Amino acid sequence: MSKSFQSPTLLFKRLHYAKNIHTTGLCLSETKILKDSVAPAHPVSHIRKAFFVKQPNENPHENNLRNLKISTQDFVHQFWLVNNTQYQKEKLEFEGELLKKFGEVKPEDLTPFYIRFLEKI
């Protein structure tokens, strides 16, 4: 048997555990993951959280790199969480205005919204 083989039960538990991290708000220090891994995409930010395990023989440079990866990932997740939330909110408002005005929303009617939204970024 190869070293990378995992029993289906263990694999399911790890995937189930990683999937619930988004809803339970667990932080990296609380995880029991033994090697670097990636969770499913967050429902709003669409960022797949990566978990970087601290190695027992980690030197200060490796520790710094691992911490930079974690902080960068947190920044990117937060950016897209705010951006995507704002996008959905504004798009729903714009579609509501179109529905009141024309009674329907066609894809081409959303062009002004997309232009305005992208100009704000």
N, C-alpha and C. Protein backbone atom coordinates (compact mmCIF):
# COMPACT_ATOMS: atom_id res chain seq x y z
N MET A 1 0.84 -1.18 0.00
CA MET A 1 0.00 0.00 0.00
C MET A 1 0.89 1.25 0.00
N SER A 2 0.53 2.25 -0.79
CA SER A 2 1.34 3.46 -0.85
C SER A 2 1.11 4.33 0.37
N LYS A 3 2.07 5.23 0.62
CA LYS A 3 1.99 6.13 1.77
C LYS A 3 0.82 7.11 1.64
N SER A 4 0.48 7.50 0.40
CA SER A 4 -0.55 8.52 0.20
C SER A 4 -1.97 7.95 0.30
N PHE A 5 -2.12 6.63 0.41
CA PHE A 5 -3.45 6.04 0.50
C PHE A 5 -4.12 6.42 1.81
N GLN A 6 -5.39 6.80 1.72
CA GLN A 6 -6.19 7.09 2.91
C GLN A 6 -7.45 6.25 2.85
N SER A 7 -7.84 5.73 3.98
CA SER A 7 -9.07 4.95 3.99
C SER A 7 -10.24 5.86 3.65
N PRO A 8 -11.28 5.35 3.01
CA PRO A 8 -12.44 6.18 2.66
C PRO A 8 -13.06 6.84 3.89
N THR A 9 -13.05 6.15 5.03
CA THR A 9 -13.64 6.72 6.24
C THR A 9 -12.84 7.93 6.70
N LEU A 10 -11.52 7.81 6.72
CA LEU A 10 -10.67 8.92 7.14
C LEU A 10 -10.81 10.09 6.18
N LEU A 11 -10.82 9.79 4.88
CA LEU A 11 -10.97 10.84 3.89
C LEU A 11 -12.30 11.56 4.05
N PHE A 12 -13.39 10.81 4.26
CA PHE A 12 -14.70 11.42 4.46
C PHE A 12 -14.70 12.31 5.70
N LYS A 13 -14.11 11.83 6.79
CA LYS A 13 -14.07 12.63 8.02
C LYS A 13 -13.31 13.92 7.80
N ARG A 14 -12.18 13.86 7.07
CA ARG A 14 -11.39 15.07 6.82
C ARG A 14 -12.16 16.04 5.94
N LEU A 15 -12.81 15.53 4.90
CA LEU A 15 -13.59 16.42 4.02
C LEU A 15 -14.78 17.01 4.76
N HIS A 16 -15.46 16.18 5.56
CA HIS A 16 -16.60 16.66 6.33
C HIS A 16 -16.14 17.72 7.33
N TYR A 17 -15.00 17.47 7.98
CA TYR A 17 -14.45 18.43 8.94
C TYR A 17 -14.11 19.73 8.26
N ALA A 18 -13.43 19.64 7.10
CA ALA A 18 -13.05 20.85 6.38
C ALA A 18 -14.27 21.61 5.88
N LYS A 19 -15.32 20.89 5.46
CA LYS A 19 -16.53 21.53 4.96
C LYS A 19 -17.22 22.32 6.07
N ASN A 20 -17.17 21.84 7.28
CA ASN A 20 -17.85 22.50 8.39
C ASN A 20 -17.05 23.65 8.98
N ILE A 21 -15.81 23.83 8.56
CA ILE A 21 -14.99 24.91 9.11
C ILE A 21 -15.62 26.27 8.79
N HIS A 22 -16.21 26.40 7.60
CA HIS A 22 -16.81 27.68 7.21
C HIS A 22 -17.99 28.03 8.11
N THR A 23 -18.74 27.03 8.53
CA THR A 23 -19.92 27.32 9.33
C THR A 23 -19.62 27.42 10.82
N THR A 24 -18.58 26.73 11.29
CA THR A 24 -18.29 26.75 12.71
C THR A 24 -17.31 27.84 13.09
N GLY A 25 -16.59 28.40 12.12
CA GLY A 25 -15.65 29.47 12.40
C GLY A 25 -14.38 29.01 13.10
N LEU A 26 -13.99 27.76 12.88
CA LEU A 26 -12.77 27.27 13.51
C LEU A 26 -11.56 27.97 12.92
N CYS A 27 -10.56 28.19 13.72
CA CYS A 27 -9.34 28.80 13.20
C CYS A 27 -8.29 27.71 12.98
N LEU A 28 -7.22 28.08 12.33
CA LEU A 28 -6.19 27.10 11.95
C LEU A 28 -5.62 26.37 13.14
N SER A 29 -5.44 27.06 14.27
CA SER A 29 -4.81 26.42 15.42
C SER A 29 -5.70 25.34 16.04
N GLU A 30 -7.00 25.34 15.71
CA GLU A 30 -7.91 24.35 16.27
C GLU A 30 -8.03 23.10 15.41
N THR A 31 -7.42 23.10 14.22
CA THR A 31 -7.60 21.98 13.31
C THR A 31 -6.74 20.80 13.72
N LYS A 32 -7.16 19.63 13.28
CA LYS A 32 -6.43 18.40 13.56
C LYS A 32 -5.83 17.82 12.28
N ILE A 33 -5.71 18.62 11.26
CA ILE A 33 -5.21 18.17 9.97
C ILE A 33 -3.70 17.94 10.07
N LEU A 34 -3.25 16.81 9.54
CA LEU A 34 -1.85 16.41 9.69
C LEU A 34 -0.95 16.89 8.55
N LYS A 35 -1.53 17.24 7.40
CA LYS A 35 -0.72 17.76 6.31
C LYS A 35 -1.48 18.88 5.62
N ASP A 36 -0.78 19.70 4.84
CA ASP A 36 -1.42 20.81 4.14
C ASP A 36 -2.61 20.28 3.34
N SER A 37 -3.72 20.99 3.41
CA SER A 37 -4.91 20.59 2.67
C SER A 37 -5.76 21.80 2.36
N VAL A 38 -6.80 21.57 1.56
CA VAL A 38 -7.66 22.66 1.11
C VAL A 38 -9.10 22.28 1.35
N ALA A 39 -9.87 23.23 1.86
CA ALA A 39 -11.30 23.01 2.14
C ALA A 39 -12.11 23.36 0.90
N PRO A 40 -13.37 22.99 0.88
CA PRO A 40 -14.25 23.40 -0.22
C PRO A 40 -14.40 24.92 -0.24
N ALA A 41 -14.84 25.44 -1.36
CA ALA A 41 -14.97 26.89 -1.53
C ALA A 41 -16.00 27.47 -0.57
N HIS A 42 -15.71 28.65 -0.05
CA HIS A 42 -16.64 29.38 0.80
C HIS A 42 -17.84 29.78 -0.05
N PRO A 43 -19.06 29.71 0.48
CA PRO A 43 -20.25 29.99 -0.33
C PRO A 43 -20.36 31.42 -0.85
N VAL A 44 -19.74 32.39 -0.19
CA VAL A 44 -19.85 33.78 -0.63
C VAL A 44 -18.56 34.26 -1.30
N SER A 45 -17.42 34.07 -0.65
CA SER A 45 -16.16 34.57 -1.21
C SER A 45 -15.64 33.67 -2.34
N HIS A 46 -16.08 32.42 -2.36
CA HIS A 46 -15.64 31.42 -3.34
C HIS A 46 -14.15 31.10 -3.21
N ILE A 47 -13.57 31.42 -2.07
CA ILE A 47 -12.16 31.12 -1.81
C ILE A 47 -12.08 29.77 -1.09
N ARG A 48 -11.18 28.93 -1.56
CA ARG A 48 -10.96 27.64 -0.91
C ARG A 48 -9.87 27.83 0.14
N LYS A 49 -10.25 27.71 1.40
CA LYS A 49 -9.30 27.92 2.48
C LYS A 49 -8.27 26.80 2.51
N ALA A 50 -7.01 27.19 2.53
CA ALA A 50 -5.91 26.23 2.62
C ALA A 50 -5.43 26.19 4.07
N PHE A 51 -5.08 25.01 4.52
CA PHE A 51 -4.57 24.83 5.87
C PHE A 51 -3.12 24.42 5.79
N PHE A 52 -2.28 25.22 6.42
CA PHE A 52 -0.84 24.99 6.39
C PHE A 52 -0.41 24.49 7.76
N VAL A 53 0.05 23.28 7.80
CA VAL A 53 0.43 22.65 9.07
C VAL A 53 1.83 23.07 9.48
N LYS A 54 1.99 23.42 10.73
CA LYS A 54 3.31 23.77 11.25
C LYS A 54 4.12 22.49 11.40
N GLN A 55 5.27 22.48 10.76
CA GLN A 55 6.14 21.32 10.82
C GLN A 55 6.96 21.35 12.11
N PRO A 56 7.26 20.21 12.69
CA PRO A 56 8.00 20.18 13.95
C PRO A 56 9.42 20.76 13.83
N ASN A 57 10.03 20.63 12.67
CA ASN A 57 11.40 21.13 12.48
C ASN A 57 11.42 22.44 11.69
N GLU A 58 10.36 23.20 11.77
CA GLU A 58 10.22 24.44 11.01
C GLU A 58 11.20 25.51 11.51
N ASN A 59 11.97 26.09 10.59
CA ASN A 59 12.90 27.16 11.00
C ASN A 59 12.15 28.51 10.96
N PRO A 60 12.75 29.57 11.47
CA PRO A 60 12.05 30.87 11.53
C PRO A 60 11.60 31.39 10.16
N HIS A 61 12.37 31.14 9.11
CA HIS A 61 11.99 31.60 7.77
C HIS A 61 10.77 30.84 7.26
N GLU A 62 10.74 29.54 7.50
CA GLU A 62 9.59 28.74 7.09
C GLU A 62 8.35 29.14 7.89
N ASN A 63 8.55 29.42 9.16
CA ASN A 63 7.44 29.87 10.01
C ASN A 63 6.89 31.20 9.49
N ASN A 64 7.78 32.12 9.15
CA ASN A 64 7.37 33.41 8.62
C ASN A 64 6.61 33.23 7.30
N LEU A 65 7.09 32.38 6.42
CA LEU A 65 6.43 32.13 5.14
C LEU A 65 5.03 31.55 5.37
N ARG A 66 4.92 30.58 6.25
CA ARG A 66 3.62 29.97 6.55
C ARG A 66 2.65 31.02 7.08
N ASN A 67 3.12 31.87 7.99
CA ASN A 67 2.26 32.92 8.54
C ASN A 67 1.86 33.95 7.48
N LEU A 68 2.77 34.27 6.56
CA LEU A 68 2.43 35.18 5.46
C LEU A 68 1.38 34.57 4.54
N LYS A 69 1.49 33.28 4.27
CA LYS A 69 0.49 32.60 3.45
C LYS A 69 -0.88 32.68 4.11
N ILE A 70 -0.91 32.44 5.41
CA ILE A 70 -2.18 32.47 6.15
C ILE A 70 -2.78 33.87 6.14
N SER A 71 -1.96 34.88 6.41
CA SER A 71 -2.49 36.25 6.46
C SER A 71 -2.92 36.73 5.07
N THR A 72 -2.18 36.34 4.03
CA THR A 72 -2.57 36.71 2.67
C THR A 72 -3.90 36.05 2.31
N GLN A 73 -4.03 34.79 2.65
CA GLN A 73 -5.27 34.09 2.37
C GLN A 73 -6.45 34.73 3.11
N ASP A 74 -6.25 35.12 4.36
CA ASP A 74 -7.31 35.79 5.12
C ASP A 74 -7.70 37.11 4.47
N PHE A 75 -6.69 37.86 4.00
CA PHE A 75 -6.96 39.13 3.33
C PHE A 75 -7.78 38.92 2.06
N VAL A 76 -7.36 37.97 1.23
CA VAL A 76 -8.05 37.68 -0.03
C VAL A 76 -9.48 37.22 0.23
N HIS A 77 -9.65 36.35 1.22
CA HIS A 77 -10.99 35.88 1.57
C HIS A 77 -11.87 37.05 2.00
N GLN A 78 -11.36 37.90 2.85
CA GLN A 78 -12.14 39.04 3.35
C GLN A 78 -12.49 40.00 2.21
N PHE A 79 -11.53 40.27 1.32
CA PHE A 79 -11.78 41.15 0.17
C PHE A 79 -12.93 40.64 -0.67
N TRP A 80 -12.86 39.34 -1.05
CA TRP A 80 -13.90 38.79 -1.92
C TRP A 80 -15.22 38.59 -1.19
N LEU A 81 -15.18 38.37 0.09
CA LEU A 81 -16.41 38.27 0.88
C LEU A 81 -17.17 39.59 0.82
N VAL A 82 -16.47 40.70 1.07
CA VAL A 82 -17.09 42.02 1.03
C VAL A 82 -17.52 42.37 -0.39
N ASN A 83 -16.64 42.15 -1.37
CA ASN A 83 -16.93 42.48 -2.76
C ASN A 83 -18.14 41.71 -3.28
N ASN A 84 -18.17 40.41 -3.07
CA ASN A 84 -19.27 39.59 -3.59
C ASN A 84 -20.59 39.90 -2.88
N THR A 85 -20.53 40.20 -1.59
CA THR A 85 -21.74 40.57 -0.85
C THR A 85 -22.30 41.88 -1.40
N GLN A 86 -21.43 42.85 -1.60
CA GLN A 86 -21.86 44.14 -2.15
C GLN A 86 -22.41 43.97 -3.57
N TYR A 87 -21.74 43.15 -4.37
CA TYR A 87 -22.18 42.89 -5.74
C TYR A 87 -23.60 42.32 -5.76
N GLN A 88 -23.83 41.29 -4.96
CA GLN A 88 -25.15 40.66 -4.94
C GLN A 88 -26.22 41.64 -4.48
N LYS A 89 -25.92 42.43 -3.45
CA LYS A 89 -26.88 43.40 -2.93
C LYS A 89 -27.24 44.43 -4.00
N GLU A 90 -26.22 45.01 -4.62
CA GLU A 90 -26.47 46.04 -5.63
C GLU A 90 -27.16 45.47 -6.87
N LYS A 91 -26.80 44.26 -7.25
CA LYS A 91 -27.42 43.64 -8.43
C LYS A 91 -28.90 43.39 -8.16
N LEU A 92 -29.24 42.89 -6.98
CA LEU A 92 -30.65 42.67 -6.64
C LEU A 92 -31.43 43.98 -6.65
N GLU A 93 -30.84 45.04 -6.12
CA GLU A 93 -31.50 46.35 -6.13
C GLU A 93 -31.72 46.83 -7.56
N PHE A 94 -30.71 46.68 -8.42
CA PHE A 94 -30.81 47.12 -9.81
C PHE A 94 -31.87 46.31 -10.55
N GLU A 95 -31.88 45.00 -10.33
CA GLU A 95 -32.90 44.15 -10.96
C GLU A 95 -34.29 44.53 -10.49
N GLY A 96 -34.43 44.88 -9.21
CA GLY A 96 -35.72 45.32 -8.68
C GLY A 96 -36.20 46.58 -9.37
N GLU A 97 -35.29 47.52 -9.60
CA GLU A 97 -35.64 48.76 -10.31
C GLU A 97 -36.09 48.44 -11.74
N LEU A 98 -35.36 47.52 -12.41
CA LEU A 98 -35.74 47.15 -13.77
C LEU A 98 -37.10 46.47 -13.80
N LEU A 99 -37.36 45.62 -12.83
CA LEU A 99 -38.66 44.95 -12.78
C LEU A 99 -39.80 45.94 -12.60
N LYS A 100 -39.60 46.93 -11.72
CA LYS A 100 -40.63 47.96 -11.52
C LYS A 100 -40.85 48.79 -12.79
N LYS A 101 -39.75 49.08 -13.48
CA LYS A 101 -39.80 49.95 -14.65
C LYS A 101 -40.32 49.23 -15.90
N PHE A 102 -39.78 48.02 -16.16
CA PHE A 102 -40.11 47.32 -17.42
C PHE A 102 -40.89 46.02 -17.22
N GLY A 103 -40.96 45.52 -16.01
CA GLY A 103 -41.69 44.28 -15.76
C GLY A 103 -40.89 43.02 -16.00
N GLU A 104 -39.67 43.15 -16.53
CA GLU A 104 -38.80 41.99 -16.76
C GLU A 104 -37.34 42.45 -16.76
N VAL A 105 -36.45 41.48 -16.61
CA VAL A 105 -35.01 41.78 -16.63
C VAL A 105 -34.38 40.91 -17.71
N LYS A 106 -33.80 41.57 -18.69
CA LYS A 106 -33.08 40.86 -19.75
C LYS A 106 -31.58 40.98 -19.45
N PRO A 107 -30.79 40.01 -19.87
CA PRO A 107 -29.34 40.09 -19.62
C PRO A 107 -28.71 41.38 -20.13
N GLU A 108 -29.13 41.84 -21.29
CA GLU A 108 -28.54 43.06 -21.85
C GLU A 108 -28.92 44.31 -21.05
N ASP A 109 -30.01 44.24 -20.28
CA ASP A 109 -30.41 45.37 -19.44
C ASP A 109 -29.47 45.56 -18.25
N LEU A 110 -28.68 44.54 -17.94
CA LEU A 110 -27.77 44.61 -16.80
C LEU A 110 -26.43 45.26 -17.14
N THR A 111 -26.20 45.55 -18.41
CA THR A 111 -24.93 46.15 -18.83
C THR A 111 -24.58 47.42 -18.07
N PRO A 112 -25.51 48.36 -17.90
CA PRO A 112 -25.15 49.57 -17.13
C PRO A 112 -24.74 49.26 -15.69
N PHE A 113 -25.40 48.26 -15.11
CA PHE A 113 -25.03 47.88 -13.74
C PHE A 113 -23.60 47.36 -13.70
N TYR A 114 -23.24 46.47 -14.62
CA TYR A 114 -21.89 45.90 -14.62
C TYR A 114 -20.83 47.00 -14.82
N ILE A 115 -21.09 47.91 -15.72
CA ILE A 115 -20.15 49.01 -15.98
C ILE A 115 -19.97 49.85 -14.71
N ARG A 116 -21.09 50.22 -14.10
CA ARG A 116 -21.03 51.06 -12.89
C ARG A 116 -20.32 50.33 -11.75
N PHE A 117 -20.61 49.05 -11.58
CA PHE A 117 -20.00 48.29 -10.48
C PHE A 117 -18.49 48.16 -10.68
N LEU A 118 -18.07 47.86 -11.89
CA LEU A 118 -16.63 47.70 -12.15
C LEU A 118 -15.88 49.02 -12.04
N GLU A 119 -16.52 50.12 -12.35
CA GLU A 119 -15.87 51.42 -12.23
C GLU A 119 -15.59 51.80 -10.77
N LYS A 120 -16.40 51.27 -9.86
CA LYS A 120 -16.22 51.57 -8.43
C LYS A 120 -15.05 50.84 -7.81
N ILE A 121 -14.66 49.73 -8.40
CA ILE A 121 -13.60 48.90 -7.80
C ILE A 121 -12.26 49.57 -7.90
